[in-house]
Structure formats: C-alpha cells, structure tokens
C-alpha atoms as a PDB file:
ATOM      1  CA  UNK A   1      43.255 -23.231   0.491  1.00  0.00           C
ATOM      2  CA  UNK A   2      41.480 -25.123   3.515  1.00  0.00           C
ATOM      3  CA  UNK A   3      41.016 -28.402   4.347  1.00  0.00           C
ATOM      4  CA  UNK A   4      37.727 -28.937   2.768  1.00  0.00           C
ATOM      5  CA  UNK A   5      39.271 -26.690  -0.789  1.00  0.00           C
ATOM      6  CA  UNK A   6      37.661 -23.514  -0.305  1.00  0.00           C
ATOM      7  CA  UNK A   7      39.239 -20.048  -0.482  1.00  0.00           C
ATOM      8  CA  UNK A   8      40.729 -18.378   2.686  1.00  0.00           C
ATOM      9  CA  UNK A   9      41.703 -14.695   2.933  1.00  0.00           C
ATOM     10  CA  UNK A  10      44.605 -13.577   5.052  1.00  0.00           C
ATOM     11  CA  UNK A  11      42.241 -12.668   7.819  1.00  0.00           C
ATOM     12  CA  UNK A  12      41.157 -16.210   8.572  1.00  0.00           C
ATOM     13  CA  UNK A  13      37.725 -16.333   7.081  1.00  0.00           C
ATOM     14  CA  UNK A  14      36.550 -18.284   4.054  1.00  0.00           C
ATOM     15  CA  UNK A  15      35.894 -16.031   0.596  1.00  0.00           C
ATOM     16  CA  UNK A  16      32.139 -16.120  -0.234  1.00  0.00           C
ATOM     17  CA  UNK A  17      30.919 -16.009  -3.826  1.00  0.00           C
ATOM     18  CA  UNK A  18      29.055 -12.911  -4.934  1.00  0.00           C
ATOM     19  CA  UNK A  19      26.102 -13.573  -7.086  1.00  0.00           C
ATOM     20  CA  UNK A  20      25.646 -11.127  -9.807  1.00  0.00           C
ATOM     21  CA  UNK A  21      23.085  -8.728  -7.853  1.00  0.00           C
ATOM     22  CA  UNK A  22      25.218  -8.559  -5.222  1.00  0.00           C
ATOM     23  CA  UNK A  23      28.321  -7.810  -7.336  1.00  0.00           C
ATOM     24  CA  UNK A  24      26.867  -4.788  -8.945  1.00  0.00           C
ATOM     25  CA  UNK A  25      24.534  -3.224  -6.439  1.00  0.00           C
ATOM     26  CA  UNK A  26      25.154   0.624  -5.339  1.00  0.00           C
ATOM     27  CA  UNK A  27      26.794   1.238  -2.272  1.00  0.00           C
ATOM     28  CA  UNK A  28      24.957   1.872   0.571  1.00  0.00           C
ATOM     29  CA  UNK A  29      21.862   0.255  -0.668  1.00  0.00           C
ATOM     30  CA  UNK A  30      20.810  -3.773  -0.274  1.00  0.00           C
ATOM     31  CA  UNK A  31      19.896  -5.621  -3.325  1.00  0.00           C
ATOM     32  CA  UNK A  32      16.571  -6.350  -1.933  1.00  0.00           C
ATOM     33  CA  UNK A  33      15.775  -2.575  -1.694  1.00  0.00           C
ATOM     34  CA  UNK A  34      17.388  -1.586  -4.782  1.00  0.00           C
ATOM     35  CA  UNK A  35      14.773  -4.385  -6.625  1.00  0.00           C
ATOM     36  CA  UNK A  36      11.896  -3.011  -4.261  1.00  0.00           C
ATOM     37  CA  UNK A  37      12.794   0.794  -5.515  1.00  0.00           C
ATOM     38  CA  UNK A  38      13.060  -0.731  -9.020  1.00  0.00           C
ATOM     39  CA  UNK A  39       9.851  -2.082  -8.653  1.00  0.00           C
ATOM     40  CA  UNK A  40       8.305   0.578  -7.287  1.00  0.00           C
ATOM     41  CA  UNK A  41       9.495   2.587 -10.303  1.00  0.00           C
ATOM     42  CA  UNK A  42       7.607   0.604 -13.386  1.00  0.00           C
ATOM     43  CA  UNK A  43       4.725  -0.725 -11.771  1.00  0.00           C
ATOM     44  CA  UNK A  44       3.654   1.442  -8.512  1.00  0.00           C
ATOM     45  CA  UNK A  45       1.187   4.119 -10.282  1.00  0.00           C
ATOM     46  CA  UNK A  46      -0.393   1.117 -11.741  1.00  0.00           C
ATOM     47  CA  UNK A  47      -0.589  -1.004  -8.516  1.00  0.00           C
ATOM     48  CA  UNK A  48      -1.766   1.941  -6.353  1.00  0.00           C
ATOM     49  CA  UNK A  49      -4.581   2.803  -9.043  1.00  0.00           C
ATOM     50  CA  UNK A  50      -5.607  -0.577  -9.384  1.00  0.00           C
ATOM     51  CA  UNK A  51      -5.664  -1.249  -5.338  1.00  0.00           C
ATOM     52  CA  UNK A  52      -7.764   2.252  -5.468  1.00  0.00           C
ATOM     53  CA  UNK A  53     -10.385   0.266  -7.874  1.00  0.00           C
ATOM     54  CA  UNK A  54     -10.826  -2.728  -6.214  1.00  0.00           C
ATOM     55  CA  UNK A  55     -11.150  -1.266  -2.668  1.00  0.00           C
ATOM     56  CA  UNK A  56     -14.585  -2.536  -0.762  1.00  0.00           C
ATOM     57  CA  UNK A  57     -16.828   0.263  -0.405  1.00  0.00           C
ATOM     58  CA  UNK A  58     -17.647   0.390   3.522  1.00  0.00           C
ATOM     59  CA  UNK A  59     -21.462  -0.429   4.328  1.00  0.00           C
ATOM     60  CA  UNK A  60     -22.937   2.295   6.486  1.00  0.00           C
ATOM     61  CA  UNK A  61     -24.726   1.565   9.568  1.00  0.00           C
ATOM     62  CA  UNK A  62     -28.655   1.641   8.145  1.00  0.00           C
ATOM     63  CA  UNK A  63     -27.400  -1.039   5.056  1.00  0.00           C
ATOM     64  CA  UNK A  64     -25.946  -3.839   8.021  1.00  0.00           C
ATOM     65  CA  UNK A  65     -29.191  -3.110  10.234  1.00  0.00           C
ATOM     66  CA  UNK A  66     -31.525  -3.601   7.164  1.00  0.00           C
ATOM     67  CA  UNK A  67     -29.486  -6.812   6.432  1.00  0.00           C
ATOM     68  CA  UNK A  68     -29.557  -8.072  10.251  1.00  0.00           C
ATOM     69  CA  UNK A  69     -33.614  -7.331  10.415  1.00  0.00           C
ATOM     70  CA  UNK A  70     -33.985  -9.101   7.128  1.00  0.00           C
ATOM     71  CA  UNK A  71     -31.884 -12.193   7.964  1.00  0.00           C
ATOM     72  CA  UNK A  72     -33.602 -12.269  11.853  1.00  0.00           C
ATOM     73  CA  UNK A  73     -37.145 -11.993   9.992  1.00  0.00           C
ATOM     74  CA  UNK A  74     -36.157 -14.907   7.582  1.00  0.00           C
ATOM     75  CA  UNK A  75     -35.029 -16.858  10.278  1.00  0.00           C
ATOM     76  CA  UNK A  76     -38.225 -16.229  12.389  1.00  0.00           C
ATOM     77  CA  UNK A  77     -40.330 -17.209   9.429  1.00  0.00           C
ATOM     78  CA  UNK A  78     -38.505 -20.511   9.301  1.00  0.00           C
ATOM     79  CA  UNK A  79     -38.731 -21.454  12.845  1.00  0.00           C
ATOM     80  CA  UNK A  80     -42.477 -20.688  12.182  1.00  0.00           C
ATOM     81  CA  UNK A  81     -42.559 -23.114   9.599  1.00  0.00           C
ATOM     82  CA  UNK A  82     -40.716 -25.784  10.880  1.00  0.00           C
ATOM     83  CA  UNK A  83     -42.972 -25.867  14.226  1.00  0.00           C
ATOM     84  CA  UNK A  84     -46.312 -26.114  12.388  1.00  0.00           C
ATOM     85  CA  UNK A  85     -44.754 -28.708  10.272  1.00  0.00           C
ATOM     86  CA  UNK A  86     -43.663 -30.590  13.468  1.00  0.00           C
ATOM     87  CA  UNK A  87     -47.450 -29.872  14.288  1.00  0.00           C
ATOM     88  CA  UNK A  88     -48.758 -31.093  11.275  1.00  0.00           C
ATOM     89  CA  UNK A  89     -46.698 -34.752  11.483  1.00  0.00           C
ATOM     90  CA  UNK A  90     -47.235 -35.114  14.942  1.00  0.00           C
ATOM     91  CA  UNK A  91     -50.941 -34.937  14.099  1.00  0.00           C
ATOM     92  CA  UNK A  92     -51.106 -37.235  11.140  1.00  0.00           C
ATOM     93  CA  UNK A  93     -48.928 -40.202  13.281  1.00  0.00           C
ATOM     94  CA  UNK A  94     -51.306 -39.534  15.686  1.00  0.00           C
ATOM     95  CA  UNK A  95     -54.524 -39.969  13.875  1.00  0.00           C
ATOM     96  CA  UNK A  96     -52.616 -42.545  11.855  1.00  0.00           C
ATOM     97  CA  UNK A  97     -52.217 -44.270  15.439  1.00  0.00           C
ATOM     98  CA  UNK A  98     -55.633 -44.044  16.660  1.00  0.00           C
ATOM     99  CA  UNK A  99     -56.893 -45.353  13.211  1.00  0.00           C
ATOM    100  CA  UNK A 100     -55.004 -48.624  13.464  1.00  0.00           C
ATOM    101  CA  UNK A 101     -55.811 -48.895  17.408  1.00  0.00           C
ATOM    102  CA  UNK A 102     -59.270 -48.996  16.387  1.00  0.00           C
ATOM    103  CA  UNK A 103     -59.174 -51.409  13.278  1.00  0.00           C
ATOM    104  CA  UNK A 104     -57.065 -54.412  14.534  1.00  0.00           C
ATOM    105  CA  UNK A 105     -55.594 -54.656  18.064  1.00  0.00           C
ATOM    106  CA  UNK A 106     -53.032 -56.852  16.487  1.00  0.00           C
ATOM    107  CA  UNK A 107     -51.842 -54.654  13.968  1.00  0.00           C
ATOM    108  CA  UNK A 108     -50.971 -51.511  16.422  1.00  0.00           C
ATOM    109  CA  UNK A 109     -49.355 -53.819  18.744  1.00  0.00           C
ATOM    110  CA  UNK A 110     -46.886 -54.966  16.235  1.00  0.00           C
ATOM    111  CA  UNK A 111     -46.423 -51.625  15.221  1.00  0.00           C
ATOM    112  CA  UNK A 112     -46.242 -50.206  18.328  1.00  0.00           C
ATOM    113  CA  UNK A 113     -43.174 -53.113  18.957  1.00  0.00           C
ATOM    114  CA  UNK A 114     -41.925 -52.566  15.332  1.00  0.00           C
ATOM    115  CA  UNK A 115     -41.065 -48.830  16.275  1.00  0.00           C
ATOM    116  CA  UNK A 116     -39.696 -49.417  19.933  1.00  0.00           C
ATOM    117  CA  UNK A 117     -37.162 -52.397  18.607  1.00  0.00           C
ATOM    118  CA  UNK A 118     -36.170 -49.723  15.635  1.00  0.00           C
ATOM    119  CA  UNK A 119     -35.836 -47.327  18.522  1.00  0.00           C
ATOM    120  CA  UNK A 120     -33.300 -49.418  20.825  1.00  0.00           C
ATOM    121  CA  UNK A 121     -31.408 -50.422  17.697  1.00  0.00           C
ATOM    122  CA  UNK A 122     -30.679 -46.492  16.829  1.00  0.00           C
ATOM    123  CA  UNK A 123     -30.085 -45.708  20.546  1.00  0.00           C
ATOM    124  CA  UNK A 124     -27.383 -49.014  20.608  1.00  0.00           C
ATOM    125  CA  UNK A 125     -25.985 -48.451  17.113  1.00  0.00           C
ATOM    126  CA  UNK A 126     -25.286 -44.299  18.456  1.00  0.00           C
ATOM    127  CA  UNK A 127     -23.710 -45.617  21.815  1.00  0.00           C
ATOM    128  CA  UNK A 128     -21.327 -47.787  20.048  1.00  0.00           C
ATOM    129  CA  UNK A 129     -20.257 -44.800  17.778  1.00  0.00           C
ATOM    130  CA  UNK A 130     -19.355 -42.881  20.642  1.00  0.00           C
ATOM    131  CA  UNK A 131     -17.262 -45.257  22.296  1.00  0.00           C
ATOM    132  CA  UNK A 132     -15.180 -45.720  19.354  1.00  0.00           C
ATOM    133  CA  UNK A 133     -14.182 -42.012  18.862  1.00  0.00           C
ATOM    134  CA  UNK A 134     -13.896 -41.599  22.679  1.00  0.00           C
ATOM    135  CA  UNK A 135     -11.246 -44.650  22.704  1.00  0.00           C
ATOM    136  CA  UNK A 136      -7.518 -43.427  23.204  1.00  0.00           C
ATOM    137  CA  UNK A 137      -5.824 -44.206  19.486  1.00  0.00           C
ATOM    138  CA  UNK A 138      -1.795 -43.614  20.459  1.00  0.00           C
END
C-alpha cells in the first residue's frame, strides 16, 4: 500500500481500477473502436440512407447566374425608387420653404433658426457619443 492508501504492484506502479468496458473488450481492439464497430453494425445502413436522402442538390451554374441577375435587378430597382423618393421629398421641402418665404419672412427665419439649432444639437450629441465609445475602459 502507498501512503495514500492506494494499492501498488510489485514493480512499484499503482494499480488502476478497470471499468466494465475495459475489462471485457476483445484483445487488440480498444473499447472506443469496439463501440464504433457495434454502432456501425446496428445503425450504419440506416444512417447512410438518411444521409443520402438529406444531401442537398448542387445548383447548376445557370440557376446561380439567374439568381444573381434577378438580385441585381431588384437592387437596381430599389435604388432608382429611393433616388426618385429623395428628389420628390427634396422638391416638396423646397416648395414649402419658398411658400413660407413669400408668405412670412418671420416664419421663414424662425423655421431656419429652428432647423439649424436641431442640426447643431444632433451633431453635438453624435460627437459626445463617439468620444464615449473611444475611451479606454481598462
């Protein structure tokens, strides 16, 4: 016996407990390989059939080209729509500003000062947020 109470063989090495699997395996085969072989014998054919049934089809080059061209066309249409919407909103804003300018100079100045103040506040808020993200935290 060793100081810790574990049995020691005659050659000085400690005895190790054998698990049930390790005690009953065939000579020449490790227990893990034995389990793999048993699993393959039981479920190997079924798994191969299942794997073959779920294997995705590889798309053809023509189908990929068609998909890419349709995506490009959709993106192009969205960009034109967004560009037209941008110009329409810009023209509407300019029309309203011209109408306010000709109607009342005071209302036009009030609108311009309010818009300028909102833009400055937005930029200040955005700049403080960036500084907070760039600070070293450790």
